[in-house]
Amino acid sequence: MGNKETVDTYYYDPFRNNLKPNSSNQINECLRLRTKDNINSITYKVDQFDENEKWLYSDEYETTVEDIFMVAKIFNKLGFRKLLTIHNNKRTYKYNDYEIVFEVVKDLGYFIEVEYCTDENIDIKAKKDEIQKF
């Protein structure tokens, strides 16, 4: 599906526990600004976990924005602070129902991500097992 350069900047709120890293430096809800192929977007993500606190999936609420620099200024004025910025190059493939992404992340290395994206009601644990076998 092609190569894309992506820059993600994550923000946290020092006054709200749900929007800042926990004691293990993990974030379970996040606010992100992204530039990908000259398209800017804002995303709010909420991670969902099983009964054993194992990550299952993330609900994502995303829309494009015209001026990403102005949104960053608004975040700053609202008290949000920059957590980190990630620069990566993604090469994406489609195979059957899967999207496979090979990523080169600046200063972190190489990663692979396999996703099954749907709005359907599915057995998430079974789908995760299927992806692991894939």
C-alpha atoms as a PDB file:
ATOM      1  CA  MET A   1       0.000   0.000   0.000  1.00  0.00           C
ATOM      2  CA  GLY A   2       3.073   2.241   0.037  1.00  0.00           C
ATOM      3  CA  ASN A   3       5.495   4.094   2.272  1.00  0.00           C
ATOM      4  CA  LYS A   4       4.500   6.919   4.572  1.00  0.00           C
ATOM      5  CA  GLU A   5       6.486   9.163   6.855  1.00  0.00           C
ATOM      6  CA  THR A   6       4.645   9.784  10.116  1.00  0.00           C
ATOM      7  CA  VAL A   7       5.310  12.200  12.959  1.00  0.00           C
ATOM      8  CA  ASP A   8       3.268  11.600  16.119  1.00  0.00           C
ATOM      9  CA  THR A   9       3.354  13.980  19.067  1.00  0.00           C
ATOM     10  CA  TYR A  10       1.700  12.788  22.268  1.00  0.00           C
ATOM     11  CA  TYR A  11       0.424  15.141  24.953  1.00  0.00           C
ATOM     12  CA  TYR A  12      -0.487  14.654  28.597  1.00  0.00           C
ATOM     13  CA  ASP A  13      -2.425  16.612  31.179  1.00  0.00           C
ATOM     14  CA  PRO A  14      -0.456  16.992  34.430  1.00  0.00           C
ATOM     15  CA  PHE A  15      -3.700  17.440  36.385  1.00  0.00           C
ATOM     16  CA  ARG A  16      -5.758  14.499  35.092  1.00  0.00           C
ATOM     17  CA  ASN A  17      -4.619  10.980  35.930  1.00  0.00           C
ATOM     18  CA  ASN A  18      -6.264   9.446  32.864  1.00  0.00           C
ATOM     19  CA  LEU A  19      -4.178  11.623  30.529  1.00  0.00           C
ATOM     20  CA  LYS A  20      -0.748  11.198  32.031  1.00  0.00           C
ATOM     21  CA  PRO A  21       1.670   8.279  32.359  1.00  0.00           C
ATOM     22  CA  ASN A  22       1.020   5.931  35.274  1.00  0.00           C
ATOM     23  CA  SER A  23       3.648   4.749  37.763  1.00  0.00           C
ATOM     24  CA  SER A  24       4.973   2.333  35.098  1.00  0.00           C
ATOM     25  CA  ASN A  25       5.229   5.190  32.561  1.00  0.00           C
ATOM     26  CA  GLN A  26       2.422   3.674  30.497  1.00  0.00           C
ATOM     27  CA  ILE A  27      -0.425   5.670  29.032  1.00  0.00           C
ATOM     28  CA  ASN A  28      -3.877   4.119  28.745  1.00  0.00           C
ATOM     29  CA  GLU A  29      -5.545   7.200  27.283  1.00  0.00           C
ATOM     30  CA  CYS A  30      -3.732   9.596  25.039  1.00  0.00           C
ATOM     31  CA  LEU A  31      -4.057  12.714  23.001  1.00  0.00           C
ATOM     32  CA  ARG A  32      -2.031  12.742  19.786  1.00  0.00           C
ATOM     33  CA  LEU A  33      -1.277  15.083  16.910  1.00  0.00           C
ATOM     34  CA  ARG A  34      -0.144  13.328  13.729  1.00  0.00           C
ATOM     35  CA  THR A  35       1.269  14.416  10.403  1.00  0.00           C
ATOM     36  CA  LYS A  36       1.193  11.680   7.776  1.00  0.00           C
ATOM     37  CA  ASP A  37       1.644  12.420   4.074  1.00  0.00           C
ATOM     38  CA  ASN A  38       1.029  16.137   4.692  1.00  0.00           C
ATOM     39  CA  ILE A  39      -2.319  15.360   6.337  1.00  0.00           C
ATOM     40  CA  ASN A  40      -2.711  16.479   9.943  1.00  0.00           C
ATOM     41  CA  SER A  41      -4.990  14.814  12.472  1.00  0.00           C
ATOM     42  CA  ILE A  42      -5.901  14.854  16.129  1.00  0.00           C
ATOM     43  CA  THR A  43      -6.633  11.572  17.915  1.00  0.00           C
ATOM     44  CA  TYR A  44      -7.909  10.615  21.332  1.00  0.00           C
ATOM     45  CA  LYS A  45      -7.248   6.959  22.147  1.00  0.00           C
ATOM     46  CA  VAL A  46      -8.615   4.880  25.004  1.00  0.00           C
ATOM     47  CA  ASP A  47      -7.058   1.464  25.612  1.00  0.00           C
ATOM     48  CA  GLN A  48      -9.354  -1.424  26.534  1.00  0.00           C
ATOM     49  CA  PHE A  49      -8.133  -4.277  28.739  1.00  0.00           C
ATOM     50  CA  ASP A  50      -9.360  -7.730  29.697  1.00  0.00           C
ATOM     51  CA  GLU A  51     -10.063  -8.895  33.240  1.00  0.00           C
ATOM     52  CA  ASN A  52      -6.333  -9.598  33.738  1.00  0.00           C
ATOM     53  CA  GLU A  53      -5.385  -6.042  32.723  1.00  0.00           C
ATOM     54  CA  LYS A  54      -3.971  -7.321  29.412  1.00  0.00           C
ATOM     55  CA  TRP A  55      -4.394  -4.888  26.510  1.00  0.00           C
ATOM     56  CA  LEU A  56      -7.051  -5.898  23.980  1.00  0.00           C
ATOM     57  CA  TYR A  57      -7.562  -2.953  21.636  1.00  0.00           C
ATOM     58  CA  SER A  58      -7.887   0.829  21.506  1.00  0.00           C
ATOM     59  CA  ASP A  59     -10.931   2.933  20.781  1.00  0.00           C
ATOM     60  CA  GLU A  60      -9.755   5.781  18.561  1.00  0.00           C
ATOM     61  CA  TYR A  61     -11.498   9.071  17.910  1.00  0.00           C
ATOM     62  CA  GLU A  62      -9.773  10.909  15.096  1.00  0.00           C
ATOM     63  CA  THR A  63     -10.357  13.802  12.727  1.00  0.00           C
ATOM     64  CA  THR A  64      -8.233  15.863  10.378  1.00  0.00           C
ATOM     65  CA  VAL A  65      -7.103  19.349  11.332  1.00  0.00           C
ATOM     66  CA  GLU A  66      -5.984  22.145   9.055  1.00  0.00           C
ATOM     67  CA  ASP A  67      -3.347  23.882  11.173  1.00  0.00           C
ATOM     68  CA  ILE A  68      -1.533  21.404  13.426  1.00  0.00           C
ATOM     69  CA  PHE A  69       0.702  24.144  14.846  1.00  0.00           C
ATOM     70  CA  MET A  70      -2.316  26.125  16.032  1.00  0.00           C
ATOM     71  CA  VAL A  71      -3.785  23.007  17.652  1.00  0.00           C
ATOM     72  CA  ALA A  72      -0.463  22.481  19.475  1.00  0.00           C
ATOM     73  CA  LYS A  73      -0.656  26.087  20.721  1.00  0.00           C
ATOM     74  CA  ILE A  74      -4.228  25.506  21.899  1.00  0.00           C
ATOM     75  CA  PHE A  75      -3.121  22.358  23.756  1.00  0.00           C
ATOM     76  CA  ASN A  76      -0.363  24.372  25.427  1.00  0.00           C
ATOM     77  CA  LYS A  77      -2.791  27.138  26.452  1.00  0.00           C
ATOM     78  CA  LEU A  78      -5.142  24.481  27.913  1.00  0.00           C
ATOM     79  CA  GLY A  79      -2.307  23.127  30.056  1.00  0.00           C
ATOM     80  CA  PHE A  80      -1.441  20.016  28.061  1.00  0.00           C
ATOM     81  CA  ARG A  81       2.268  19.214  27.906  1.00  0.00           C
ATOM     82  CA  LYS A  82       4.235  17.427  25.211  1.00  0.00           C
ATOM     83  CA  LEU A  83       5.103  13.898  26.312  1.00  0.00           C
ATOM     84  CA  LEU A  84       7.110  12.741  23.297  1.00  0.00           C
ATOM     85  CA  THR A  85       7.403  12.908  19.531  1.00  0.00           C
ATOM     86  CA  ILE A  86       7.917   9.808  17.420  1.00  0.00           C
ATOM     87  CA  HIS A  87       9.272   9.955  13.873  1.00  0.00           C
ATOM     88  CA  ASN A  88       8.825   6.854  11.792  1.00  0.00           C
ATOM     89  CA  ASN A  89       8.635   5.507   8.279  1.00  0.00           C
ATOM     90  CA  LYS A  90       5.905   2.972   7.647  1.00  0.00           C
ATOM     91  CA  ARG A  91       5.641   0.498   4.806  1.00  0.00           C
ATOM     92  CA  THR A  92       2.122  -0.899   4.716  1.00  0.00           C
ATOM     93  CA  TYR A  93       0.827  -4.073   3.116  1.00  0.00           C
ATOM     94  CA  LYS A  94      -2.633  -5.583   2.885  1.00  0.00           C
ATOM     95  CA  TYR A  95      -3.055  -9.357   3.138  1.00  0.00           C
ATOM     96  CA  ASN A  96      -6.578 -10.798   3.304  1.00  0.00           C
ATOM     97  CA  ASP A  97      -8.201  -9.051   6.291  1.00  0.00           C
ATOM     98  CA  TYR A  98      -4.920  -7.853   7.783  1.00  0.00           C
ATOM     99  CA  GLU A  99      -2.989  -4.634   7.512  1.00  0.00           C
ATOM    100  CA  ILE A 100       0.713  -5.303   8.047  1.00  0.00           C
ATOM    101  CA  VAL A 101       2.995  -2.359   8.798  1.00  0.00           C
ATOM    102  CA  PHE A 102       6.790  -2.492   8.896  1.00  0.00           C
ATOM    103  CA  GLU A 103       8.063   0.518  10.807  1.00  0.00           C
ATOM    104  CA  VAL A 104      11.457   2.128  11.208  1.00  0.00           C
ATOM    105  CA  VAL A 105      11.194   4.331  14.294  1.00  0.00           C
ATOM    106  CA  LYS A 106      13.858   6.982  14.759  1.00  0.00           C
ATOM    107  CA  ASP A 107      16.099   6.197  17.762  1.00  0.00           C
ATOM    108  CA  LEU A 108      14.093   3.046  18.631  1.00  0.00           C
ATOM    109  CA  GLY A 109      14.557   0.553  15.788  1.00  0.00           C
ATOM    110  CA  TYR A 110      12.403  -1.759  13.696  1.00  0.00           C
ATOM    111  CA  PHE A 111       8.849  -2.888  14.447  1.00  0.00           C
ATOM    112  CA  ILE A 112       6.043  -4.843  12.821  1.00  0.00           C
ATOM    113  CA  GLU A 113       2.360  -4.305  13.471  1.00  0.00           C
ATOM    114  CA  VAL A 114      -0.459  -6.547  12.296  1.00  0.00           C
ATOM    115  CA  GLU A 115      -3.974  -5.164  12.612  1.00  0.00           C
ATOM    116  CA  TYR A 116      -7.464  -6.344  11.912  1.00  0.00           C
ATOM    117  CA  CYS A 117      -9.629  -3.230  11.668  1.00  0.00           C
ATOM    118  CA  THR A 118     -13.382  -3.513  11.919  1.00  0.00           C
ATOM    119  CA  ASP A 119     -16.434  -1.900  13.430  1.00  0.00           C
ATOM    120  CA  GLU A 120     -18.085  -5.304  13.725  1.00  0.00           C
ATOM    121  CA  ASN A 121     -18.660  -7.001  17.047  1.00  0.00           C
ATOM    122  CA  ILE A 122     -16.045  -9.779  17.096  1.00  0.00           C
ATOM    123  CA  ASP A 123     -14.361 -12.037  19.636  1.00  0.00           C
ATOM    124  CA  ILE A 124     -11.277  -9.893  20.210  1.00  0.00           C
ATOM    125  CA  LYS A 125      -9.299 -12.513  22.122  1.00  0.00           C
ATOM    126  CA  ALA A 126      -9.873 -15.080  19.358  1.00  0.00           C
ATOM    127  CA  LYS A 127      -8.839 -12.533  16.705  1.00  0.00           C
ATOM    128  CA  LYS A 128      -5.665 -11.691  18.663  1.00  0.00           C
ATOM    129  CA  ASP A 129      -4.826 -15.420  18.817  1.00  0.00           C
ATOM    130  CA  GLU A 130      -5.434 -15.649  15.069  1.00  0.00           C
ATOM    131  CA  ILE A 131      -3.079 -12.709  14.467  1.00  0.00           C
ATOM    132  CA  GLN A 132      -0.398 -14.294  16.679  1.00  0.00           C
ATOM    133  CA  LYS A 133      -0.623 -17.521  14.649  1.00  0.00           C
ATOM    134  CA  PHE A 134      -0.437 -15.497  11.435  1.00  0.00           C
END
